[in-house]
Each structure stands twice: as C-alpha cells, then as structure tokens.
Amino acid sequence: MEIQEKFGLVIRKLRRQKHVSQEKFALDAGIDRTYIGDIENGSRNISLQMIEKIADYFGIQISEIFKQIEDEQLT
C-alpha cells in the first residue's frame, strides 16, 4: 500500500471519529470537498501545508498523523 493510501485511511478514520461528513470537514477546514475525497482515496500526494491544515482541524500534531500511519502498518 502506498503512503498516500495509508495517509488517506488515517484521515478518513479521524474524520469518522469526529462524526463529520467530508462536506463538513472540507467546509470547516477550508479545503475543497473533492480534494478531501481524493486524499481519503489515496489519489493525492498532498503538500506539507495541507497536512498542517488537516492536523490543525483535528487538533493534533502532524506527527500524530504519521504515528497512526506507522501503527496501521503493524496491524
């Protein structure tokens, strides 16, 4: 599995834990909804600035996203 796919799975998991739709996530985070879908599907190679924006939305450190990606590899 590519890193973009792993990243997307973690973002989808975080979004669902927060009980928000892609539309609400996109609106609140200031990101286009179709871009969110592409991220979650693993078809976007996103910038560090976008990763920071997503982490800020979830109220977590950027490193936490990557920690979760690493944890997913072990399961």
PDB file of N, CA and C in Angstrom:
ATOM      1  N   MET A   1       0.852  -1.186   0.000  1.00  0.00           N
ATOM      2  CA  MET A   1       0.000   0.000   0.000  1.00  0.00           C
ATOM      3  C   MET A   1       0.891   1.241   0.000  1.00  0.00           C
ATOM      4  N   GLU A   2       0.563   2.187  -0.837  1.00  0.00           N
ATOM      5  CA  GLU A   2       1.326   3.436  -0.960  1.00  0.00           C
ATOM      6  C   GLU A   2       1.075   4.346   0.249  1.00  0.00           C
ATOM      7  N   ILE A   3       2.023   5.237   0.505  1.00  0.00           N
ATOM      8  CA  ILE A   3       1.900   6.173   1.633  1.00  0.00           C
ATOM      9  C   ILE A   3       0.654   7.046   1.508  1.00  0.00           C
ATOM     10  N   GLN A   4       0.292   7.444   0.279  1.00  0.00           N
ATOM     11  CA  GLN A   4      -0.904   8.276   0.094  1.00  0.00           C
ATOM     12  C   GLN A   4      -2.159   7.515   0.530  1.00  0.00           C
ATOM     13  N   GLU A   5      -2.198   6.220   0.251  1.00  0.00           N
ATOM     14  CA  GLU A   5      -3.353   5.416   0.653  1.00  0.00           C
ATOM     15  C   GLU A   5      -3.416   5.275   2.168  1.00  0.00           C
ATOM     16  N   LYS A   6      -2.267   5.041   2.788  1.00  0.00           N
ATOM     17  CA  LYS A   6      -2.215   4.929   4.241  1.00  0.00           C
ATOM     18  C   LYS A   6      -2.626   6.247   4.898  1.00  0.00           C
ATOM     19  N   PHE A   7      -2.113   7.345   4.354  1.00  0.00           N
ATOM     20  CA  PHE A   7      -2.472   8.666   4.869  1.00  0.00           C
ATOM     21  C   PHE A   7      -3.983   8.869   4.759  1.00  0.00           C
ATOM     22  N   GLY A   8      -4.534   8.540   3.605  1.00  0.00           N
ATOM     23  CA  GLY A   8      -5.970   8.692   3.394  1.00  0.00           C
ATOM     24  C   GLY A   8      -6.799   7.882   4.359  1.00  0.00           C
ATOM     25  N   LEU A   9      -6.366   6.657   4.645  1.00  0.00           N
ATOM     26  CA  LEU A   9      -7.106   5.811   5.592  1.00  0.00           C
ATOM     27  C   LEU A   9      -7.114   6.427   6.989  1.00  0.00           C
ATOM     28  N   VAL A  10      -5.978   6.983   7.389  1.00  0.00           N
ATOM     29  CA  VAL A  10      -5.898   7.619   8.707  1.00  0.00           C
ATOM     30  C   VAL A  10      -6.788   8.862   8.754  1.00  0.00           C
ATOM     31  N   ILE A  11      -6.776   9.659   7.702  1.00  0.00           N
ATOM     32  CA  ILE A  11      -7.610  10.867   7.680  1.00  0.00           C
ATOM     33  C   ILE A  11      -9.089  10.484   7.716  1.00  0.00           C
ATOM     34  N   ARG A  12      -9.480   9.473   6.950  1.00  0.00           N
ATOM     35  CA  ARG A  12     -10.874   9.008   6.973  1.00  0.00           C
ATOM     36  C   ARG A  12     -11.258   8.542   8.383  1.00  0.00           C
ATOM     37  N   LYS A  13     -10.339   7.803   9.042  1.00  0.00           N
ATOM     38  CA  LYS A  13     -10.608   7.318  10.398  1.00  0.00           C
ATOM     39  C   LYS A  13     -10.786   8.484  11.364  1.00  0.00           C
ATOM     40  N   LEU A  14      -9.899   9.472  11.275  1.00  0.00           N
ATOM     41  CA  LEU A  14     -10.004  10.649  12.153  1.00  0.00           C
ATOM     42  C   LEU A  14     -11.312  11.403  11.915  1.00  0.00           C
ATOM     43  N   ARG A  15     -11.671  11.540  10.645  1.00  0.00           N
ATOM     44  CA  ARG A  15     -12.912  12.262  10.302  1.00  0.00           C
ATOM     45  C   ARG A  15     -14.128  11.524  10.846  1.00  0.00           C
ATOM     46  N   ARG A  16     -14.139  10.225  10.692  1.00  0.00           N
ATOM     47  CA  ARG A  16     -15.279   9.435  11.182  1.00  0.00           C
ATOM     48  C   ARG A  16     -15.354   9.438  12.706  1.00  0.00           C
ATOM     49  N   GLN A  17     -14.199   9.438  13.369  1.00  0.00           N
ATOM     50  CA  GLN A  17     -14.183   9.511  14.834  1.00  0.00           C
ATOM     51  C   GLN A  17     -14.784  10.829  15.315  1.00  0.00           C
ATOM     52  N   LYS A  18     -14.639  11.849  14.503  1.00  0.00           N
ATOM     53  CA  LYS A  18     -15.179  13.166  14.834  1.00  0.00           C
ATOM     54  C   LYS A  18     -16.649  13.280  14.404  1.00  0.00           C
ATOM     55  N   HIS A  19     -17.143  12.261  13.696  1.00  0.00           N
ATOM     56  CA  HIS A  19     -18.538  12.193  13.243  1.00  0.00           C
ATOM     57  C   HIS A  19     -18.912  13.367  12.340  1.00  0.00           C
ATOM     58  N   VAL A  20     -18.033  13.643  11.380  1.00  0.00           N
ATOM     59  CA  VAL A  20     -18.332  14.697  10.408  1.00  0.00           C
ATOM     60  C   VAL A  20     -18.258  14.124   8.996  1.00  0.00           C
ATOM     61  N   SER A  21     -19.042  14.699   8.125  1.00  0.00           N
ATOM     62  CA  SER A  21     -19.033  14.303   6.722  1.00  0.00           C
ATOM     63  C   SER A  21     -17.825  14.927   6.030  1.00  0.00           C
ATOM     64  N   GLN A  22     -17.530  14.438   4.836  1.00  0.00           N
ATOM     65  CA  GLN A  22     -16.470  15.060   4.048  1.00  0.00           C
ATOM     66  C   GLN A  22     -16.812  16.519   3.780  1.00  0.00           C
ATOM     67  N   GLU A  23     -18.086  16.800   3.526  1.00  0.00           N
ATOM     68  CA  GLU A  23     -18.511  18.173   3.243  1.00  0.00           C
ATOM     69  C   GLU A  23     -18.246  19.096   4.424  1.00  0.00           C
ATOM     70  N   LYS A  24     -18.628  18.641   5.633  1.00  0.00           N
ATOM     71  CA  LYS A  24     -18.423  19.474   6.826  1.00  0.00           C
ATOM     72  C   LYS A  24     -16.936  19.648   7.115  1.00  0.00           C
ATOM     73  N   PHE A  25     -16.191  18.576   7.011  1.00  0.00           N
ATOM     74  CA  PHE A  25     -14.746  18.627   7.198  1.00  0.00           C
ATOM     75  C   PHE A  25     -14.134  19.644   6.244  1.00  0.00           C
ATOM     76  N   ALA A  26     -14.491  19.537   4.977  1.00  0.00           N
ATOM     77  CA  ALA A  26     -13.949  20.440   3.958  1.00  0.00           C
ATOM     78  C   ALA A  26     -14.303  21.894   4.255  1.00  0.00           C
ATOM     79  N   LEU A  27     -15.556  22.131   4.574  1.00  0.00           N
ATOM     80  CA  LEU A  27     -16.011  23.490   4.846  1.00  0.00           C
ATOM     81  C   LEU A  27     -15.281  24.074   6.055  1.00  0.00           C
ATOM     82  N   ASP A  28     -15.247  23.323   7.146  1.00  0.00           N
ATOM     83  CA  ASP A  28     -14.628  23.811   8.382  1.00  0.00           C
ATOM     84  C   ASP A  28     -13.109  23.985   8.256  1.00  0.00           C
ATOM     85  N   ALA A  29     -12.475  23.120   7.457  1.00  0.00           N
ATOM     86  CA  ALA A  29     -11.025  23.177   7.310  1.00  0.00           C
ATOM     87  C   ALA A  29     -10.593  24.099   6.179  1.00  0.00           C
ATOM     88  N   GLY A  30     -11.547  24.568   5.381  1.00  0.00           N
ATOM     89  CA  GLY A  30     -11.207  25.448   4.270  1.00  0.00           C
ATOM     90  C   GLY A  30     -10.545  24.718   3.114  1.00  0.00           C
ATOM     91  N   ILE A  31     -11.003  23.499   2.875  1.00  0.00           N
ATOM     92  CA  ILE A  31     -10.453  22.656   1.812  1.00  0.00           C
ATOM     93  C   ILE A  31     -11.607  22.247   0.903  1.00  0.00           C
ATOM     94  N   ASP A  32     -11.348  22.164  -0.386  1.00  0.00           N
ATOM     95  CA  ASP A  32     -12.383  21.730  -1.324  1.00  0.00           C
ATOM     96  C   ASP A  32     -12.822  20.293  -1.014  1.00  0.00           C
ATOM     97  N   ARG A  33     -14.126  20.036  -1.058  1.00  0.00           N
ATOM     98  CA  ARG A  33     -14.653  18.718  -0.711  1.00  0.00           C
ATOM     99  C   ARG A  33     -14.101  17.616  -1.601  1.00  0.00           C
ATOM    100  N   THR A  34     -13.976  17.873  -2.886  1.00  0.00           N
ATOM    101  CA  THR A  34     -13.458  16.832  -3.777  1.00  0.00           C
ATOM    102  C   THR A  34     -11.999  16.513  -3.453  1.00  0.00           C
ATOM    103  N   TYR A  35     -11.282  17.512  -2.958  1.00  0.00           N
ATOM    104  CA  TYR A  35      -9.892  17.301  -2.560  1.00  0.00           C
ATOM    105  C   TYR A  35      -9.832  16.356  -1.359  1.00  0.00           C
ATOM    106  N   ILE A  36     -10.777  16.520  -0.420  1.00  0.00           N
ATOM    107  CA  ILE A  36     -10.853  15.632   0.745  1.00  0.00           C
ATOM    108  C   ILE A  36     -11.093  14.202   0.276  1.00  0.00           C
ATOM    109  N   GLY A  37     -12.020  14.033  -0.651  1.00  0.00           N
ATOM    110  CA  GLY A  37     -12.288  12.699  -1.186  1.00  0.00           C
ATOM    111  C   GLY A  37     -11.050  12.091  -1.820  1.00  0.00           C
ATOM    112  N   ASP A  38     -10.316  12.893  -2.573  1.00  0.00           N
ATOM    113  CA  ASP A  38      -9.087  12.414  -3.213  1.00  0.00           C
ATOM    114  C   ASP A  38      -8.029  12.030  -2.176  1.00  0.00           C
ATOM    115  N   ILE A  39      -7.940  12.807  -1.105  1.00  0.00           N
ATOM    116  CA  ILE A  39      -6.984  12.490  -0.032  1.00  0.00           C
ATOM    117  C   ILE A  39      -7.356  11.153   0.591  1.00  0.00           C
ATOM    118  N   GLU A  40      -8.619  11.006   0.961  1.00  0.00           N
ATOM    119  CA  GLU A  40      -9.063   9.783   1.624  1.00  0.00           C
ATOM    120  C   GLU A  40      -8.951   8.563   0.715  1.00  0.00           C
ATOM    121  N   ASN A  41      -9.067   8.762  -0.580  1.00  0.00           N
ATOM    122  CA  ASN A  41      -8.930   7.650  -1.524  1.00  0.00           C
ATOM    123  C   ASN A  41      -7.476   7.352  -1.873  1.00  0.00           C
ATOM    124  N   GLY A  42      -6.567   8.182  -1.394  1.00  0.00           N
ATOM    125  CA  GLY A  42      -5.151   7.959  -1.642  1.00  0.00           C
ATOM    126  C   GLY A  42      -4.688   8.372  -3.025  1.00  0.00           C
ATOM    127  N   SER A  43      -5.474   9.202  -3.699  1.00  0.00           N
ATOM    128  CA  SER A  43      -5.099   9.608  -5.054  1.00  0.00           C
ATOM    129  C   SER A  43      -4.440  10.985  -5.112  1.00  0.00           C
ATOM    130  N   ARG A  44      -4.190  11.579  -3.949  1.00  0.00           N
ATOM    131  CA  ARG A  44      -3.500  12.881  -3.887  1.00  0.00           C
ATOM    132  C   ARG A  44      -2.193  12.742  -3.136  1.00  0.00           C
ATOM    133  N   ASN A  45      -1.176  13.373  -3.652  1.00  0.00           N
ATOM    134  CA  ASN A  45       0.096  13.498  -2.958  1.00  0.00           C
ATOM    135  C   ASN A  45       0.118  14.932  -2.426  1.00  0.00           C
ATOM    136  N   ILE A  46      -0.317  15.116  -1.192  1.00  0.00           N
ATOM    137  CA  ILE A  46      -0.587  16.459  -0.695  1.00  0.00           C
ATOM    138  C   ILE A  46       0.653  17.127  -0.114  1.00  0.00           C
ATOM    139  N   SER A  47       0.571  18.442  -0.016  1.00  0.00           N
ATOM    140  CA  SER A  47       1.690  19.246   0.469  1.00  0.00           C
ATOM    141  C   SER A  47       1.765  19.239   1.992  1.00  0.00           C
ATOM    142  N   LEU A  48       2.907  19.642   2.489  1.00  0.00           N
ATOM    143  CA  LEU A  48       3.084  19.786   3.935  1.00  0.00           C
ATOM    144  C   LEU A  48       2.123  20.824   4.500  1.00  0.00           C
ATOM    145  N   GLN A  49       1.853  21.873   3.741  1.00  0.00           N
ATOM    146  CA  GLN A  49       0.919  22.906   4.197  1.00  0.00           C
ATOM    147  C   GLN A  49      -0.482  22.324   4.373  1.00  0.00           C
ATOM    148  N   MET A  50      -0.890  21.446   3.464  1.00  0.00           N
ATOM    149  CA  MET A  50      -2.204  20.821   3.573  1.00  0.00           C
ATOM    150  C   MET A  50      -2.236  19.857   4.758  1.00  0.00           C
ATOM    151  N   ILE A  51      -1.160  19.129   4.971  1.00  0.00           N
ATOM    152  CA  ILE A  51      -1.088  18.230   6.123  1.00  0.00           C
ATOM    153  C   ILE A  51      -1.218  19.033   7.419  1.00  0.00           C
ATOM    154  N   GLU A  52      -0.561  20.179   7.467  1.00  0.00           N
ATOM    155  CA  GLU A  52      -0.659  21.040   8.653  1.00  0.00           C
ATOM    156  C   GLU A  52      -2.097  21.522   8.849  1.00  0.00           C
ATOM    157  N   LYS A  53      -2.751  21.898   7.784  1.00  0.00           N
ATOM    158  CA  LYS A  53      -4.135  22.370   7.851  1.00  0.00           C
ATOM    159  C   LYS A  53      -5.054  21.265   8.382  1.00  0.00           C
ATOM    160  N   ILE A  54      -4.834  20.052   7.921  1.00  0.00           N
ATOM    161  CA  ILE A  54      -5.642  18.913   8.367  1.00  0.00           C
ATOM    162  C   ILE A  54      -5.380  18.618   9.846  1.00  0.00           C
ATOM    163  N   ALA A  55      -4.112  18.611  10.244  1.00  0.00           N
ATOM    164  CA  ALA A  55      -3.772  18.372  11.650  1.00  0.00           C
ATOM    165  C   ALA A  55      -4.391  19.439  12.544  1.00  0.00           C
ATOM    166  N   ASP A  56      -4.331  20.688  12.115  1.00  0.00           N
ATOM    167  CA  ASP A  56      -4.939  21.778  12.890  1.00  0.00           C
ATOM    168  C   ASP A  56      -6.440  21.553  13.046  1.00  0.00           C
ATOM    169  N   TYR A  57      -7.095  21.120  11.982  1.00  0.00           N
ATOM    170  CA  TYR A  57      -8.540  20.864  12.043  1.00  0.00           C
ATOM    171  C   TYR A  57      -8.857  19.826  13.109  1.00  0.00           C
ATOM    172  N   PHE A  58      -8.062  18.770  13.160  1.00  0.00           N
ATOM    173  CA  PHE A  58      -8.317  17.702  14.130  1.00  0.00           C
ATOM    174  C   PHE A  58      -7.735  18.009  15.504  1.00  0.00           C
ATOM    175  N   GLY A  59      -6.997  19.111  15.621  1.00  0.00           N
ATOM    176  CA  GLY A  59      -6.423  19.497  16.907  1.00  0.00           C
ATOM    177  C   GLY A  59      -5.315  18.563  17.364  1.00  0.00           C
ATOM    178  N   ILE A  60      -4.549  18.065  16.401  1.00  0.00           N
ATOM    179  CA  ILE A  60      -3.455  17.152  16.725  1.00  0.00           C
ATOM    180  C   ILE A  60      -2.169  17.650  16.067  1.00  0.00           C
ATOM    181  N   GLN A  61      -1.063  17.103  16.512  1.00  0.00           N
ATOM    182  CA  GLN A  61       0.228  17.391  15.907  1.00  0.00           C
ATOM    183  C   GLN A  61       0.349  16.624  14.590  1.00  0.00           C
ATOM    184  N   ILE A  62       1.094  17.172  13.657  1.00  0.00           N
ATOM    185  CA  ILE A  62       1.349  16.488  12.393  1.00  0.00           C
ATOM    186  C   ILE A  62       1.941  15.108  12.663  1.00  0.00           C
ATOM    187  N   SER A  63       2.827  15.036  13.622  1.00  0.00           N
ATOM    188  CA  SER A  63       3.485  13.765  13.938  1.00  0.00           C
ATOM    189  C   SER A  63       2.483  12.691  14.346  1.00  0.00           C
ATOM    190  N   GLU A  64       1.370  13.088  14.935  1.00  0.00           N
ATOM    191  CA  GLU A  64       0.347  12.123  15.348  1.00  0.00           C
ATOM    192  C   GLU A  64      -0.259  11.422  14.127  1.00  0.00           C
ATOM    193  N   ILE A  65      -0.441  12.147  13.054  1.00  0.00           N
ATOM    194  CA  ILE A  65      -0.970  11.529  11.828  1.00  0.00           C
ATOM    195  C   ILE A  65      -0.005  10.445  11.357  1.00  0.00           C
ATOM    196  N   PHE A  66       1.278  10.771  11.325  1.00  0.00           N
ATOM    197  CA  PHE A  66       2.263   9.809  10.845  1.00  0.00           C
ATOM    198  C   PHE A  66       2.472   8.665  11.831  1.00  0.00           C
ATOM    199  N   LYS A  67       2.311   8.934  13.108  1.00  0.00           N
ATOM    200  CA  LYS A  67       2.366   7.863  14.112  1.00  0.00           C
ATOM    201  C   LYS A  67       1.247   6.871  13.853  1.00  0.00           C
ATOM    202  N   GLN A  68       0.064   7.373  13.546  1.00  0.00           N
ATOM    203  CA  GLN A  68      -1.052   6.482  13.261  1.00  0.00           C
ATOM    204  C   GLN A  68      -0.807   5.678  11.985  1.00  0.00           C
ATOM    205  N   ILE A  69      -0.172   6.299  10.996  1.00  0.00           N
ATOM    206  CA  ILE A  69       0.177   5.564   9.777  1.00  0.00           C
ATOM    207  C   ILE A  69       1.131   4.418  10.122  1.00  0.00           C
ATOM    208  N   GLU A  70       2.121   4.710  10.943  1.00  0.00           N
ATOM    209  CA  GLU A  70       3.067   3.661  11.360  1.00  0.00           C
ATOM    210  C   GLU A  70       2.360   2.563  12.121  1.00  0.00           C
ATOM    211  N   ASP A  71       1.448   2.921  13.014  1.00  0.00           N
ATOM    212  CA  ASP A  71       0.703   1.933  13.785  1.00  0.00           C
ATOM    213  C   ASP A  71      -0.156   1.060  12.887  1.00  0.00           C
ATOM    214  N   GLU A  72      -0.723   1.648  11.838  1.00  0.00           N
ATOM    215  CA  GLU A  72      -1.531   0.890  10.899  1.00  0.00           C
ATOM    216  C   GLU A  72      -0.692  -0.163  10.180  1.00  0.00           C
ATOM    217  N   GLN A  73       0.579   0.107   9.933  1.00  0.00           N
ATOM    218  CA  GLN A  73       1.450  -0.845   9.251  1.00  0.00           C
ATOM    219  C   GLN A  73       1.661  -2.088  10.102  1.00  0.00           C
ATOM    220  N   LEU A  74       1.598  -1.948  11.397  1.00  0.00           N
ATOM    221  CA  LEU A  74       1.865  -3.061  12.284  1.00  0.00           C
ATOM    222  C   LEU A  74       0.671  -3.989  12.459  1.00  0.00           C
ATOM    223  N   THR A  75      -0.516  -3.517  12.116  1.00  0.00           N
ATOM    224  CA  THR A  75      -1.718  -4.330  12.328  1.00  0.00           C
ATOM    225  C   THR A  75      -2.145  -5.023  11.073  1.00  0.00           C
TER     226      THR A  75
END
